[in-house]
């Protein structure tokens, strides 16, 4: 199964593609889509959409994984902007007719580190170890995206062997 994890944001959207066969995971591709604050919102969203659509076309994942949106009431503008980026990413998945799965951050952290309240650095190190990445990426958005993909593989594998949906 090929899995695409995406960590959406307007400035830096991280992505990671893995191949997962049973309990073996290998890195296919990972990186970021960076937009400039000097561009208007429509151009930035268009860039994210086109980049993800092209990535999907080139890598042909069977599923896309996103983190469930969590918005704090004190930061409504951040939630609004993140929602716009997520929207064009979800559109790319729908256009390519690939499944879209979402997990809460705590579920992803638990699948990666074993603790739902694990820190960002712990997740980053475990992702690097799992995929045998020697040098950590410049952007944590990349390892966050890879964590989503790995978490989905582990959750799906667990569901398969137990017959219980998480």
Protein backbone atom coordinates (compact mmCIF):
# COMPACT_ATOMS: atom_id res chain seq x y z
CA UNK A 1 0.00 0.00 0.00
CA UNK A 2 1.33 3.43 -0.91
CA UNK A 3 0.39 6.12 1.60
CA UNK A 4 0.65 9.91 1.27
CA UNK A 5 0.77 11.89 4.50
CA UNK A 6 0.22 15.64 4.29
CA UNK A 7 0.83 18.28 6.97
CA UNK A 8 -1.16 21.23 5.60
CA UNK A 9 -0.31 24.87 6.09
CA UNK A 10 -0.42 27.98 3.96
CA UNK A 11 3.29 28.81 4.23
CA UNK A 12 4.88 25.34 4.37
CA UNK A 13 2.91 22.20 3.54
CA UNK A 14 4.84 19.04 4.30
CA UNK A 15 4.30 15.76 2.48
CA UNK A 16 5.64 12.25 2.73
CA UNK A 17 4.99 9.16 0.63
CA UNK A 18 5.75 5.69 1.95
CA UNK A 19 5.31 2.15 0.72
CA UNK A 20 3.99 -0.21 3.36
CA UNK A 21 3.84 -3.96 2.94
CA UNK A 22 2.74 -5.78 6.09
CA UNK A 23 5.12 -4.37 8.70
CA UNK A 24 7.84 -3.17 6.29
CA UNK A 25 7.87 0.55 5.56
CA UNK A 26 10.04 2.35 3.03
CA UNK A 27 10.36 6.01 2.09
CA UNK A 28 9.33 6.90 -1.47
CA UNK A 29 9.46 10.70 -1.43
CA UNK A 30 9.16 13.56 1.03
CA UNK A 31 9.37 17.32 0.91
CA UNK A 32 7.55 20.60 1.22
CA UNK A 33 5.46 23.00 -0.81
CA UNK A 34 6.47 26.53 0.18
CA UNK A 35 4.41 29.59 -0.66
CA UNK A 36 5.35 33.24 -0.27
CA UNK A 37 3.49 35.64 1.98
CA UNK A 38 3.99 38.27 -0.72
CA UNK A 39 1.54 36.42 -3.00
CA UNK A 40 -2.21 36.72 -2.65
CA UNK A 41 -4.13 33.88 -1.01
CA UNK A 42 -5.59 32.52 -4.24
CA UNK A 43 -2.13 32.12 -5.80
CA UNK A 44 -0.79 30.40 -2.69
CA UNK A 45 -3.71 27.97 -2.53
CA UNK A 46 -3.39 27.30 -6.25
CA UNK A 47 0.30 26.44 -5.81
CA UNK A 48 -0.49 23.98 -2.99
CA UNK A 49 -3.29 22.36 -4.99
CA UNK A 50 -1.21 22.00 -8.17
CA UNK A 51 1.80 20.62 -6.28
CA UNK A 52 -0.28 18.02 -4.44
CA UNK A 53 -2.18 17.05 -7.58
CA UNK A 54 1.11 16.54 -9.41
CA UNK A 55 2.57 14.56 -6.48
CA UNK A 56 -0.50 12.30 -6.44
CA UNK A 57 -0.25 11.81 -10.20
CA UNK A 58 3.44 10.91 -10.02
CA UNK A 59 3.42 8.68 -6.92
CA UNK A 60 -0.07 7.14 -7.20
CA UNK A 61 -0.88 6.66 -3.49
CA UNK A 62 -3.85 4.56 -2.48
CA UNK A 63 -4.73 6.83 0.42
CA UNK A 64 -4.02 10.34 1.70
CA UNK A 65 -3.75 10.96 5.44
CA UNK A 66 -4.33 14.30 7.16
CA UNK A 67 -4.34 15.32 10.80
CA UNK A 68 -7.81 16.15 12.07
CA UNK A 69 -8.25 19.87 12.35
CA UNK A 70 -7.91 21.21 15.85
CA UNK A 71 -8.60 24.90 16.28
CA UNK A 72 -8.23 26.91 19.43
CA UNK A 73 -10.95 29.50 19.99
CA UNK A 74 -8.30 32.15 20.64
CA UNK A 75 -6.86 31.73 17.12
CA UNK A 76 -9.80 31.73 14.67
CA UNK A 77 -7.80 33.29 11.84
CA UNK A 78 -5.21 30.50 11.99
CA UNK A 79 -7.98 27.90 11.82
CA UNK A 80 -9.55 29.69 8.86
CA UNK A 81 -6.29 29.83 6.89
CA UNK A 82 -5.46 26.21 7.72
CA UNK A 83 -8.96 25.22 6.61
CA UNK A 84 -8.39 26.82 3.23
CA UNK A 85 -5.12 24.93 2.71
CA UNK A 86 -6.75 21.68 3.83
CA UNK A 87 -9.62 22.34 1.42
CA UNK A 88 -7.44 22.46 -1.68
CA UNK A 89 -5.50 19.42 -0.48
CA UNK A 90 -8.73 17.47 0.02
CA UNK A 91 -9.84 18.61 -3.43
CA UNK A 92 -6.66 17.14 -4.94
CA UNK A 93 -7.46 13.80 -3.26
CA UNK A 94 -11.05 13.88 -4.50
CA UNK A 95 -10.00 14.74 -8.06
CA UNK A 96 -7.60 11.77 -8.05
CA UNK A 97 -10.28 9.56 -6.47
CA UNK A 98 -8.05 8.43 -3.62
CA UNK A 99 -9.29 7.72 -0.11
CA UNK A 100 -8.85 10.43 2.51
CA UNK A 101 -8.31 9.49 6.16
CA UNK A 102 -7.94 11.78 9.16
CA UNK A 103 -6.53 11.08 12.63
CA UNK A 104 -6.31 13.27 15.71
CA UNK A 105 -2.75 14.34 16.61
CA UNK A 106 -2.83 12.29 19.81
CA UNK A 107 -3.68 9.11 17.85
CA UNK A 108 -0.79 9.73 15.45
CA UNK A 109 1.66 10.35 18.31
CA UNK A 110 0.50 7.20 20.08
CA UNK A 111 0.98 5.13 16.91
CA UNK A 112 4.47 6.57 16.35
CA UNK A 113 5.92 6.99 19.85
CA UNK A 114 3.52 5.03 22.05
CA UNK A 115 2.33 8.16 23.90
CA UNK A 116 -0.46 10.44 22.74
CA UNK A 117 1.19 13.44 24.37
CA UNK A 118 4.65 12.88 22.88
CA UNK A 119 6.63 15.94 21.90
CA UNK A 120 7.41 17.04 18.36
CA UNK A 121 11.08 16.09 18.72
CA UNK A 122 10.19 12.58 19.93
CA UNK A 123 7.94 12.07 16.91
CA UNK A 124 10.60 13.43 14.56
CA UNK A 125 13.29 11.10 15.95
CA UNK A 126 11.02 8.03 15.80
CA UNK A 127 10.04 8.79 12.19
CA UNK A 128 13.71 9.18 11.26
CA UNK A 129 14.56 5.90 12.97
CA UNK A 130 11.64 4.05 11.37
CA UNK A 131 12.58 5.20 7.86
CA UNK A 132 16.35 5.10 8.44
CA UNK A 133 16.70 8.83 7.75
CA UNK A 134 20.22 9.87 8.74
CA UNK A 135 19.78 13.66 8.57
CA UNK A 136 16.62 15.28 9.90
CA UNK A 137 14.79 17.45 7.35
CA UNK A 138 15.03 21.23 7.64
CA UNK A 139 11.26 21.47 8.12
CA UNK A 140 9.45 19.48 10.81
CA UNK A 141 6.45 19.59 8.47
CA UNK A 142 8.12 16.76 6.51
CA UNK A 143 8.45 14.44 9.49
CA UNK A 144 4.93 15.38 10.63
CA UNK A 145 3.61 14.30 7.21
CA UNK A 146 5.63 11.08 7.32
CA UNK A 147 4.32 10.43 10.84
CA UNK A 148 0.77 10.61 9.49
CA UNK A 149 1.57 8.07 6.77
CA UNK A 150 3.35 5.71 9.17
CA UNK A 151 0.57 6.01 11.74
CA UNK A 152 -2.00 5.08 9.12
CA UNK A 153 0.01 2.00 8.13
CA UNK A 154 0.28 0.90 11.77
CA UNK A 155 -3.38 1.53 12.52
CA UNK A 156 -4.51 -0.23 9.31
CA UNK A 157 -2.17 -3.16 10.02
CA UNK A 158 -3.50 -3.47 13.58
CA UNK A 159 -7.09 -3.34 12.28
CA UNK A 160 -6.27 -6.08 9.78
CA UNK A 161 -4.73 -8.49 12.27
CA UNK A 162 -7.27 -7.88 15.05
CA UNK A 163 -10.38 -7.37 12.95
CA UNK A 164 -11.17 -4.36 15.13
CA UNK A 165 -11.39 -0.90 13.64
CA UNK A 166 -9.55 1.67 15.77
